[in-house]
Amino acid sequence: MTRSREQLLQCINEVSFALDDCRLYLDTHPYDREALEYYRNYEKLRNEAMKEYRDCYGPISAYDVNAENVWTWVSEPWPWEGVC
């Protein structure tokens, strides 16, 4: 089942927050294996959600644009247009 654009964006935001928080912790505890595993798990979840978003709704960042296609990054709605 494909998640809606809003569901995927919410998931990406939540998982990204967890990754950022964990990254801050790992800055001071770089050998904490449990934290490293937590980070890897959430990194995998984020990558999967980002891929699902790209496959269903197009590029989510300028780095996701396929150079073989037309420059599609600008054809998506902008955040201030109320879609994000």
N, C-alpha and C. Protein backbone atom coordinates (compact mmCIF):
# COMPACT_ATOMS: atom_id res chain seq x y z
N MET A 1 0.83 -1.17 0.00
CA MET A 1 0.00 0.00 0.00
C MET A 1 0.89 1.25 0.00
N THR A 2 0.61 2.15 -0.90
CA THR A 2 1.36 3.39 -0.99
C THR A 2 0.83 4.40 0.01
N ARG A 3 1.74 5.01 0.75
CA ARG A 3 1.34 6.05 1.70
C ARG A 3 1.13 7.36 0.95
N SER A 4 0.29 8.20 1.50
CA SER A 4 0.04 9.50 0.89
C SER A 4 1.29 10.37 1.01
N ARG A 5 1.32 11.44 0.21
CA ARG A 5 2.42 12.38 0.25
C ARG A 5 2.61 12.92 1.67
N GLU A 6 1.49 13.27 2.30
CA GLU A 6 1.55 13.83 3.65
C GLU A 6 2.09 12.82 4.66
N GLN A 7 1.66 11.57 4.54
CA GLN A 7 2.14 10.52 5.45
C GLN A 7 3.64 10.31 5.29
N LEU A 8 4.10 10.29 4.05
CA LEU A 8 5.53 10.09 3.81
C LEU A 8 6.35 11.27 4.32
N LEU A 9 5.88 12.49 4.08
CA LEU A 9 6.60 13.66 4.57
C LEU A 9 6.66 13.66 6.09
N GLN A 10 5.56 13.27 6.74
CA GLN A 10 5.54 13.19 8.20
C GLN A 10 6.54 12.15 8.68
N CYS A 11 6.55 11.00 8.05
CA CYS A 11 7.48 9.93 8.41
C CYS A 11 8.92 10.40 8.24
N ILE A 12 9.23 11.02 7.12
CA ILE A 12 10.58 11.51 6.84
C ILE A 12 10.99 12.54 7.89
N ASN A 13 10.08 13.44 8.23
CA ASN A 13 10.39 14.45 9.25
C ASN A 13 10.67 13.82 10.61
N GLU A 14 9.84 12.87 11.01
CA GLU A 14 10.00 12.23 12.32
C GLU A 14 11.29 11.43 12.40
N VAL A 15 11.55 10.65 11.37
CA VAL A 15 12.76 9.82 11.36
C VAL A 15 14.00 10.71 11.26
N SER A 16 13.93 11.77 10.49
CA SER A 16 15.07 12.70 10.39
C SER A 16 15.36 13.35 11.73
N PHE A 17 14.32 13.70 12.48
CA PHE A 17 14.52 14.26 13.81
C PHE A 17 15.24 13.27 14.71
N ALA A 18 14.80 12.01 14.68
CA ALA A 18 15.44 10.98 15.50
C ALA A 18 16.91 10.82 15.10
N LEU A 19 17.19 10.85 13.81
CA LEU A 19 18.58 10.74 13.35
C LEU A 19 19.42 11.92 13.82
N ASP A 20 18.88 13.13 13.71
CA ASP A 20 19.62 14.31 14.15
C ASP A 20 19.91 14.25 15.64
N ASP A 21 18.93 13.84 16.42
CA ASP A 21 19.10 13.72 17.87
C ASP A 21 20.16 12.67 18.20
N CYS A 22 20.09 11.55 17.53
CA CYS A 22 21.06 10.48 17.76
C CYS A 22 22.46 10.92 17.33
N ARG A 23 22.54 11.65 16.25
CA ARG A 23 23.83 12.15 15.77
C ARG A 23 24.49 13.04 16.82
N LEU A 24 23.70 13.87 17.48
CA LEU A 24 24.23 14.72 18.54
C LEU A 24 24.77 13.88 19.70
N TYR A 25 24.03 12.84 20.06
CA TYR A 25 24.47 11.94 21.12
C TYR A 25 25.77 11.24 20.73
N LEU A 26 25.85 10.77 19.48
CA LEU A 26 27.03 10.05 19.02
C LEU A 26 28.26 10.95 18.94
N ASP A 27 28.07 12.25 18.84
CA ASP A 27 29.21 13.17 18.86
C ASP A 27 29.99 13.04 20.17
N THR A 28 29.30 12.75 21.25
CA THR A 28 29.96 12.64 22.56
C THR A 28 30.10 11.20 23.04
N HIS A 29 29.43 10.26 22.35
CA HIS A 29 29.49 8.84 22.72
C HIS A 29 29.71 7.99 21.46
N PRO A 30 30.83 8.18 20.76
CA PRO A 30 31.01 7.54 19.45
C PRO A 30 31.13 6.02 19.48
N TYR A 31 31.37 5.43 20.64
CA TYR A 31 31.54 3.98 20.71
C TYR A 31 30.34 3.26 21.32
N ASP A 32 29.24 3.96 21.49
CA ASP A 32 28.03 3.36 22.04
C ASP A 32 27.38 2.51 20.96
N ARG A 33 27.56 1.21 21.05
CA ARG A 33 27.07 0.29 20.02
C ARG A 33 25.55 0.32 19.89
N GLU A 34 24.87 0.45 21.00
CA GLU A 34 23.40 0.49 20.97
C GLU A 34 22.92 1.74 20.21
N ALA A 35 23.58 2.86 20.45
CA ALA A 35 23.22 4.10 19.74
C ALA A 35 23.56 3.99 18.26
N LEU A 36 24.68 3.35 17.94
CA LEU A 36 25.04 3.17 16.53
C LEU A 36 24.02 2.29 15.81
N GLU A 37 23.56 1.25 16.49
CA GLU A 37 22.54 0.37 15.90
C GLU A 37 21.22 1.13 15.72
N TYR A 38 20.86 1.92 16.71
CA TYR A 38 19.66 2.76 16.63
C TYR A 38 19.77 3.68 15.41
N TYR A 39 20.94 4.32 15.26
CA TYR A 39 21.16 5.23 14.13
C TYR A 39 21.01 4.48 12.80
N ARG A 40 21.65 3.34 12.68
CA ARG A 40 21.58 2.56 11.43
C ARG A 40 20.13 2.16 11.10
N ASN A 41 19.38 1.77 12.13
CA ASN A 41 18.00 1.37 11.93
C ASN A 41 17.16 2.54 11.39
N TYR A 42 17.29 3.70 12.01
CA TYR A 42 16.51 4.86 11.57
C TYR A 42 17.02 5.41 10.24
N GLU A 43 18.30 5.26 9.98
CA GLU A 43 18.84 5.67 8.69
C GLU A 43 18.22 4.82 7.57
N LYS A 44 18.08 3.52 7.83
CA LYS A 44 17.45 2.62 6.87
C LYS A 44 15.98 3.01 6.64
N LEU A 45 15.26 3.30 7.73
CA LEU A 45 13.86 3.71 7.61
C LEU A 45 13.74 5.00 6.78
N ARG A 46 14.63 5.95 7.04
CA ARG A 46 14.59 7.22 6.31
C ARG A 46 14.90 6.99 4.83
N ASN A 47 15.91 6.19 4.52
CA ASN A 47 16.24 5.92 3.13
C ASN A 47 15.08 5.24 2.40
N GLU A 48 14.41 4.33 3.08
CA GLU A 48 13.26 3.65 2.47
C GLU A 48 12.12 4.62 2.22
N ALA A 49 11.85 5.50 3.18
CA ALA A 49 10.78 6.49 3.02
C ALA A 49 11.12 7.49 1.91
N MET A 50 12.38 7.90 1.85
CA MET A 50 12.80 8.82 0.78
C MET A 50 12.64 8.16 -0.59
N LYS A 51 13.02 6.89 -0.70
CA LYS A 51 12.88 6.17 -1.97
C LYS A 51 11.41 6.04 -2.35
N GLU A 52 10.58 5.68 -1.37
CA GLU A 52 9.15 5.55 -1.64
C GLU A 52 8.58 6.89 -2.12
N TYR A 53 8.99 7.97 -1.48
CA TYR A 53 8.51 9.29 -1.88
C TYR A 53 8.94 9.60 -3.32
N ARG A 54 10.22 9.39 -3.63
CA ARG A 54 10.72 9.66 -5.00
C ARG A 54 9.97 8.83 -6.03
N ASP A 55 9.77 7.55 -5.72
CA ASP A 55 9.10 6.65 -6.67
C ASP A 55 7.65 7.04 -6.91
N CYS A 56 6.99 7.54 -5.87
CA CYS A 56 5.56 7.85 -5.98
C CYS A 56 5.27 9.30 -6.38
N TYR A 57 6.08 10.22 -5.88
CA TYR A 57 5.73 11.64 -6.02
C TYR A 57 6.80 12.50 -6.68
N GLY A 58 7.93 11.93 -7.03
CA GLY A 58 8.98 12.70 -7.67
C GLY A 58 10.06 13.11 -6.70
N PRO A 59 11.00 13.93 -7.16
CA PRO A 59 12.14 14.30 -6.31
C PRO A 59 11.73 15.05 -5.06
N ILE A 60 12.39 14.73 -3.96
CA ILE A 60 12.12 15.40 -2.69
C ILE A 60 13.21 16.42 -2.39
N SER A 61 14.32 16.34 -3.10
CA SER A 61 15.37 17.34 -2.99
C SER A 61 15.99 17.53 -4.37
N ALA A 62 16.73 18.60 -4.52
CA ALA A 62 17.35 18.89 -5.81
C ALA A 62 18.35 17.80 -6.20
N TYR A 63 18.87 17.06 -5.24
CA TYR A 63 19.83 15.99 -5.53
C TYR A 63 19.16 14.73 -6.06
N ASP A 64 17.84 14.66 -6.02
CA ASP A 64 17.11 13.48 -6.48
C ASP A 64 16.71 13.56 -7.95
N VAL A 65 17.01 14.64 -8.61
CA VAL A 65 16.59 14.82 -10.00
C VAL A 65 17.41 13.91 -10.89
N ASN A 66 16.73 13.23 -11.78
CA ASN A 66 17.39 12.37 -12.74
C ASN A 66 17.88 13.23 -13.90
N ALA A 67 19.17 13.27 -14.13
CA ALA A 67 19.76 14.14 -15.15
C ALA A 67 19.32 13.76 -16.56
N GLU A 68 18.82 12.56 -16.76
CA GLU A 68 18.37 12.15 -18.08
C GLU A 68 17.01 12.74 -18.42
N ASN A 69 16.28 13.15 -17.43
CA ASN A 69 14.95 13.71 -17.63
C ASN A 69 15.00 15.23 -17.66
N VAL A 70 13.86 15.81 -17.87
CA VAL A 70 13.73 17.26 -17.77
C VAL A 70 13.96 17.64 -16.32
N TRP A 71 14.41 18.85 -16.09
CA TRP A 71 14.68 19.32 -14.72
C TRP A 71 13.35 19.43 -13.99
N THR A 72 12.93 18.36 -13.33
CA THR A 72 11.59 18.27 -12.73
C THR A 72 11.49 18.87 -11.34
N TRP A 73 12.62 19.23 -10.75
CA TRP A 73 12.59 19.75 -9.39
C TRP A 73 11.67 20.95 -9.28
N VAL A 74 11.67 21.83 -10.25
CA VAL A 74 10.87 23.05 -10.17
C VAL A 74 9.41 22.84 -10.54
N SER A 75 9.05 21.67 -11.03
CA SER A 75 7.66 21.44 -11.40
C SER A 75 6.80 20.97 -10.23
N GLU A 76 7.42 20.60 -9.12
CA GLU A 76 6.69 20.19 -7.93
C GLU A 76 6.22 21.42 -7.16
N PRO A 77 5.15 21.29 -6.37
CA PRO A 77 4.69 22.43 -5.56
C PRO A 77 5.76 22.85 -4.54
N TRP A 78 5.84 24.13 -4.28
CA TRP A 78 6.78 24.66 -3.30
C TRP A 78 6.12 24.66 -1.92
N PRO A 79 6.91 24.63 -0.86
CA PRO A 79 6.34 24.56 0.50
C PRO A 79 5.32 25.66 0.78
N TRP A 80 5.54 26.86 0.30
CA TRP A 80 4.62 27.97 0.58
C TRP A 80 3.32 27.87 -0.23
N GLU A 81 3.25 26.88 -1.11
CA GLU A 81 2.02 26.67 -1.86
C GLU A 81 1.05 25.76 -1.09
N GLY A 82 1.42 25.41 0.13
CA GLY A 82 0.52 24.68 1.01
C GLY A 82 0.49 23.18 0.84
N VAL A 83 1.44 22.61 0.11
CA VAL A 83 1.43 21.17 -0.13
C VAL A 83 2.29 20.42 0.88
N CYS A 84 3.38 20.98 1.30
CA CYS A 84 4.33 20.26 2.17
C CYS A 84 3.88 20.26 3.61
